[in-house]
Amino acid sequence: MKKKTVFGLITSVAAAAFLFTGVSKANADTTLTVGASPTPHAKILEHVKPELKKEGIDLKIKKYDDYIIPNKALANKEIDANYFQHTPFLNN
């Protein structure tokens, strides 16, 4: 079950990255900066990073230890996306 969940998260992040950037291999390299909590989100992004690089996306991961600062960074366009919410939070 845990492997299935991690695979689903990785797939979701990769799909979101492609949708948000609209990048194809023919385009110039694009940098995508994502703010994430160190565990597990940043670790998951580290696994996705090589696959995104193959698609021309340079993934930069900024780690945050709180849940307010990444939202502010996103609002201020300091990062392109944030990735730290968990399922119970999203279900509320």
N, C-alpha and C. Protein backbone atom coordinates (compact mmCIF):
# COMPACT_ATOMS: atom_id res chain seq x y z
N MET A 1 0.82 -1.19 0.00
CA MET A 1 0.00 0.00 0.00
C MET A 1 0.87 1.25 0.00
N LYS A 2 1.94 1.24 0.80
CA LYS A 2 2.80 2.42 0.90
C LYS A 2 3.47 2.72 -0.45
N LYS A 3 3.94 1.67 -1.14
CA LYS A 3 4.57 1.87 -2.45
C LYS A 3 3.57 2.45 -3.44
N LYS A 4 2.33 1.99 -3.37
CA LYS A 4 1.29 2.48 -4.27
C LYS A 4 1.02 3.96 -4.01
N THR A 5 0.99 4.36 -2.75
CA THR A 5 0.75 5.75 -2.39
C THR A 5 1.90 6.63 -2.86
N VAL A 6 3.13 6.20 -2.64
CA VAL A 6 4.30 6.98 -3.06
C VAL A 6 4.32 7.11 -4.57
N PHE A 7 4.06 6.02 -5.28
CA PHE A 7 4.02 6.06 -6.74
C PHE A 7 2.94 7.03 -7.22
N GLY A 8 1.79 7.00 -6.58
CA GLY A 8 0.70 7.92 -6.94
C GLY A 8 1.10 9.37 -6.72
N LEU A 9 1.77 9.65 -5.63
CA LEU A 9 2.23 11.01 -5.35
C LEU A 9 3.25 11.47 -6.37
N ILE A 10 4.19 10.60 -6.69
CA ILE A 10 5.22 10.95 -7.67
C ILE A 10 4.58 11.22 -9.03
N THR A 11 3.66 10.36 -9.42
CA THR A 11 2.97 10.55 -10.69
C THR A 11 2.19 11.85 -10.71
N SER A 12 1.53 12.16 -9.61
CA SER A 12 0.75 13.40 -9.53
C SER A 12 1.64 14.63 -9.64
N VAL A 13 2.77 14.61 -8.96
CA VAL A 13 3.68 15.76 -9.01
C VAL A 13 4.23 15.93 -10.42
N ALA A 14 4.63 14.83 -11.04
CA ALA A 14 5.17 14.92 -12.40
C ALA A 14 4.11 15.45 -13.37
N ALA A 15 2.89 14.95 -13.26
CA ALA A 15 1.81 15.42 -14.13
C ALA A 15 1.53 16.90 -13.90
N ALA A 16 1.51 17.31 -12.65
CA ALA A 16 1.26 18.73 -12.35
C ALA A 16 2.37 19.61 -12.91
N ALA A 17 3.59 19.15 -12.80
CA ALA A 17 4.71 19.93 -13.33
C ALA A 17 4.56 20.14 -14.83
N PHE A 18 4.17 19.09 -15.54
CA PHE A 18 4.00 19.22 -16.98
C PHE A 18 2.83 20.13 -17.32
N LEU A 19 1.75 20.02 -16.58
CA LEU A 19 0.58 20.86 -16.84
C LEU A 19 0.85 22.32 -16.54
N PHE A 20 1.52 22.59 -15.42
CA PHE A 20 1.76 23.98 -15.02
C PHE A 20 2.77 24.68 -15.91
N THR A 21 3.72 23.95 -16.45
CA THR A 21 4.77 24.61 -17.22
C THR A 21 4.51 24.56 -18.72
N GLY A 22 3.74 23.59 -19.19
CA GLY A 22 3.48 23.48 -20.62
C GLY A 22 4.76 23.25 -21.41
N VAL A 23 5.66 22.48 -20.87
CA VAL A 23 6.96 22.27 -21.48
C VAL A 23 6.97 20.97 -22.28
N SER A 24 7.64 21.02 -23.43
CA SER A 24 7.90 19.79 -24.17
C SER A 24 9.40 19.69 -24.37
N LYS A 25 9.87 18.55 -24.84
CA LYS A 25 11.31 18.37 -25.04
C LYS A 25 11.87 19.36 -26.05
N ALA A 26 11.05 19.81 -26.98
CA ALA A 26 11.52 20.72 -28.02
C ALA A 26 11.77 22.13 -27.48
N ASN A 27 11.15 22.48 -26.37
CA ASN A 27 11.31 23.82 -25.80
C ASN A 27 12.62 23.92 -25.03
N ALA A 28 13.03 25.16 -24.78
CA ALA A 28 14.23 25.39 -23.97
C ALA A 28 13.97 24.90 -22.55
N ASP A 29 15.06 24.61 -21.84
CA ASP A 29 14.91 24.16 -20.46
C ASP A 29 14.14 25.19 -19.63
N THR A 30 13.31 24.69 -18.76
CA THR A 30 12.50 25.51 -17.89
C THR A 30 12.83 25.16 -16.45
N THR A 31 12.86 26.17 -15.60
CA THR A 31 13.08 25.94 -14.17
C THR A 31 11.75 26.01 -13.46
N LEU A 32 11.48 25.01 -12.64
CA LEU A 32 10.27 24.95 -11.82
C LEU A 32 10.73 24.92 -10.37
N THR A 33 10.36 25.94 -9.61
CA THR A 33 10.74 26.03 -8.20
C THR A 33 9.54 25.67 -7.35
N VAL A 34 9.71 24.63 -6.53
CA VAL A 34 8.62 24.13 -5.70
C VAL A 34 9.03 24.21 -4.23
N GLY A 35 8.17 24.79 -3.42
CA GLY A 35 8.37 24.82 -1.98
C GLY A 35 7.73 23.59 -1.37
N ALA A 36 8.45 22.90 -0.50
CA ALA A 36 7.94 21.65 0.05
C ALA A 36 8.41 21.46 1.49
N SER A 37 7.63 20.68 2.23
CA SER A 37 8.09 20.27 3.56
C SER A 37 9.20 19.24 3.36
N PRO A 38 10.19 19.21 4.25
CA PRO A 38 11.33 18.32 4.05
C PRO A 38 10.95 16.84 3.91
N THR A 39 10.04 16.39 4.77
CA THR A 39 9.63 14.98 4.74
C THR A 39 8.12 14.89 4.78
N PRO A 40 7.49 14.18 3.92
CA PRO A 40 8.02 13.36 2.84
C PRO A 40 8.09 14.10 1.51
N HIS A 41 7.51 15.29 1.43
CA HIS A 41 7.30 15.94 0.14
C HIS A 41 8.59 16.26 -0.62
N ALA A 42 9.58 16.85 0.03
CA ALA A 42 10.84 17.16 -0.66
C ALA A 42 11.55 15.88 -1.09
N LYS A 43 11.45 14.84 -0.27
CA LYS A 43 12.07 13.56 -0.63
C LYS A 43 11.39 12.97 -1.87
N ILE A 44 10.09 13.10 -1.96
CA ILE A 44 9.36 12.61 -3.14
C ILE A 44 9.80 13.40 -4.37
N LEU A 45 9.90 14.71 -4.22
CA LEU A 45 10.33 15.54 -5.35
C LEU A 45 11.74 15.19 -5.81
N GLU A 46 12.61 14.82 -4.88
CA GLU A 46 13.97 14.41 -5.26
C GLU A 46 13.93 13.18 -6.18
N HIS A 47 12.97 12.29 -5.96
CA HIS A 47 12.84 11.11 -6.81
C HIS A 47 12.32 11.47 -8.19
N VAL A 48 11.51 12.50 -8.29
CA VAL A 48 10.92 12.93 -9.55
C VAL A 48 11.90 13.77 -10.37
N LYS A 49 12.80 14.43 -9.71
CA LYS A 49 13.72 15.39 -10.33
C LYS A 49 14.44 14.85 -11.58
N PRO A 50 15.02 13.65 -11.55
CA PRO A 50 15.70 13.15 -12.75
C PRO A 50 14.76 12.94 -13.94
N GLU A 51 13.54 12.51 -13.67
CA GLU A 51 12.57 12.32 -14.75
C GLU A 51 12.17 13.65 -15.38
N LEU A 52 12.00 14.66 -14.54
CA LEU A 52 11.66 15.98 -15.06
C LEU A 52 12.81 16.55 -15.88
N LYS A 53 14.04 16.30 -15.45
CA LYS A 53 15.22 16.79 -16.18
C LYS A 53 15.23 16.22 -17.60
N LYS A 54 14.83 14.96 -17.75
CA LYS A 54 14.76 14.34 -19.08
C LYS A 54 13.76 15.07 -19.98
N GLU A 55 12.77 15.69 -19.37
CA GLU A 55 11.74 16.41 -20.11
C GLU A 55 12.05 17.90 -20.26
N GLY A 56 13.24 18.30 -19.84
CA GLY A 56 13.65 19.69 -19.98
C GLY A 56 13.24 20.60 -18.84
N ILE A 57 12.90 20.00 -17.70
CA ILE A 57 12.48 20.80 -16.54
C ILE A 57 13.54 20.67 -15.45
N ASP A 58 14.09 21.81 -15.06
CA ASP A 58 15.07 21.85 -13.97
C ASP A 58 14.29 22.13 -12.69
N LEU A 59 14.12 21.12 -11.86
CA LEU A 59 13.35 21.24 -10.63
C LEU A 59 14.22 21.76 -9.50
N LYS A 60 13.84 22.89 -8.94
CA LYS A 60 14.49 23.46 -7.76
C LYS A 60 13.55 23.24 -6.59
N ILE A 61 14.07 22.68 -5.51
CA ILE A 61 13.25 22.38 -4.34
C ILE A 61 13.68 23.28 -3.19
N LYS A 62 12.73 24.07 -2.68
CA LYS A 62 12.98 24.90 -1.50
C LYS A 62 12.25 24.26 -0.33
N LYS A 63 12.98 23.94 0.71
CA LYS A 63 12.39 23.26 1.87
C LYS A 63 11.93 24.29 2.91
N TYR A 64 10.72 24.07 3.41
CA TYR A 64 10.14 24.93 4.44
C TYR A 64 9.71 24.08 5.62
N ASP A 65 9.94 24.58 6.82
CA ASP A 65 9.56 23.86 8.03
C ASP A 65 8.24 24.35 8.61
N ASP A 66 7.58 25.27 7.92
CA ASP A 66 6.27 25.70 8.40
C ASP A 66 5.31 25.78 7.22
N TYR A 67 4.04 25.97 7.51
CA TYR A 67 3.03 25.91 6.46
C TYR A 67 2.56 27.28 6.00
N ILE A 68 3.01 28.34 6.60
CA ILE A 68 2.58 29.68 6.21
C ILE A 68 3.55 30.29 5.20
N ILE A 69 4.83 30.13 5.45
CA ILE A 69 5.84 30.75 4.58
C ILE A 69 5.75 30.27 3.13
N PRO A 70 5.56 28.97 2.86
CA PRO A 70 5.48 28.58 1.44
C PRO A 70 4.26 29.17 0.73
N ASN A 71 3.16 29.35 1.45
CA ASN A 71 2.00 29.99 0.83
C ASN A 71 2.29 31.45 0.51
N LYS A 72 2.99 32.13 1.41
CA LYS A 72 3.37 33.53 1.16
C LYS A 72 4.36 33.61 0.00
N ALA A 73 5.32 32.69 -0.05
CA ALA A 73 6.30 32.67 -1.14
C ALA A 73 5.60 32.45 -2.48
N LEU A 74 4.60 31.59 -2.50
CA LEU A 74 3.84 31.35 -3.72
C LEU A 74 3.07 32.61 -4.13
N ALA A 75 2.42 33.25 -3.17
CA ALA A 75 1.66 34.47 -3.45
C ALA A 75 2.58 35.59 -3.96
N ASN A 76 3.82 35.62 -3.46
CA ASN A 76 4.79 36.64 -3.87
C ASN A 76 5.58 36.24 -5.11
N LYS A 77 5.22 35.11 -5.71
CA LYS A 77 5.87 34.58 -6.92
C LYS A 77 7.36 34.29 -6.71
N GLU A 78 7.71 33.94 -5.48
CA GLU A 78 9.09 33.53 -5.18
C GLU A 78 9.30 32.06 -5.54
N ILE A 79 8.21 31.30 -5.57
CA ILE A 79 8.23 29.90 -6.00
C ILE A 79 7.08 29.71 -6.99
N ASP A 80 7.15 28.64 -7.78
CA ASP A 80 6.12 28.38 -8.79
C ASP A 80 4.97 27.53 -8.26
N ALA A 81 5.25 26.73 -7.25
CA ALA A 81 4.23 25.84 -6.68
C ALA A 81 4.65 25.47 -5.26
N ASN A 82 3.69 25.00 -4.48
CA ASN A 82 4.06 24.46 -3.18
C ASN A 82 3.49 23.05 -3.06
N TYR A 83 4.13 22.26 -2.23
CA TYR A 83 3.77 20.85 -2.10
C TYR A 83 4.04 20.43 -0.67
N PHE A 84 3.01 20.55 0.17
CA PHE A 84 3.19 20.16 1.57
C PHE A 84 1.89 19.71 2.20
N GLN A 85 0.77 19.93 1.55
CA GLN A 85 -0.51 19.57 2.14
C GLN A 85 -0.65 18.04 2.19
N HIS A 86 -1.39 17.58 3.17
CA HIS A 86 -1.64 16.15 3.30
C HIS A 86 -3.13 15.89 3.06
N THR A 87 -3.47 14.65 2.85
CA THR A 87 -4.84 14.28 2.48
C THR A 87 -5.88 14.75 3.49
N PRO A 88 -5.70 14.56 4.80
CA PRO A 88 -6.73 15.06 5.74
C PRO A 88 -6.96 16.57 5.61
N PHE A 89 -5.90 17.34 5.39
CA PHE A 89 -6.05 18.78 5.21
C PHE A 89 -6.85 19.08 3.95
N LEU A 90 -6.53 18.40 2.86
CA LEU A 90 -7.21 18.65 1.60
C LEU A 90 -8.67 18.19 1.63
N ASN A 91 -8.98 17.23 2.48
CA ASN A 91 -10.36 16.75 2.58
C ASN A 91 -11.26 17.69 3.37
N ASN A 92 -10.69 18.64 4.10
CA ASN A 92 -11.49 19.60 4.88
C ASN A 92 -11.96 20.74 4.03
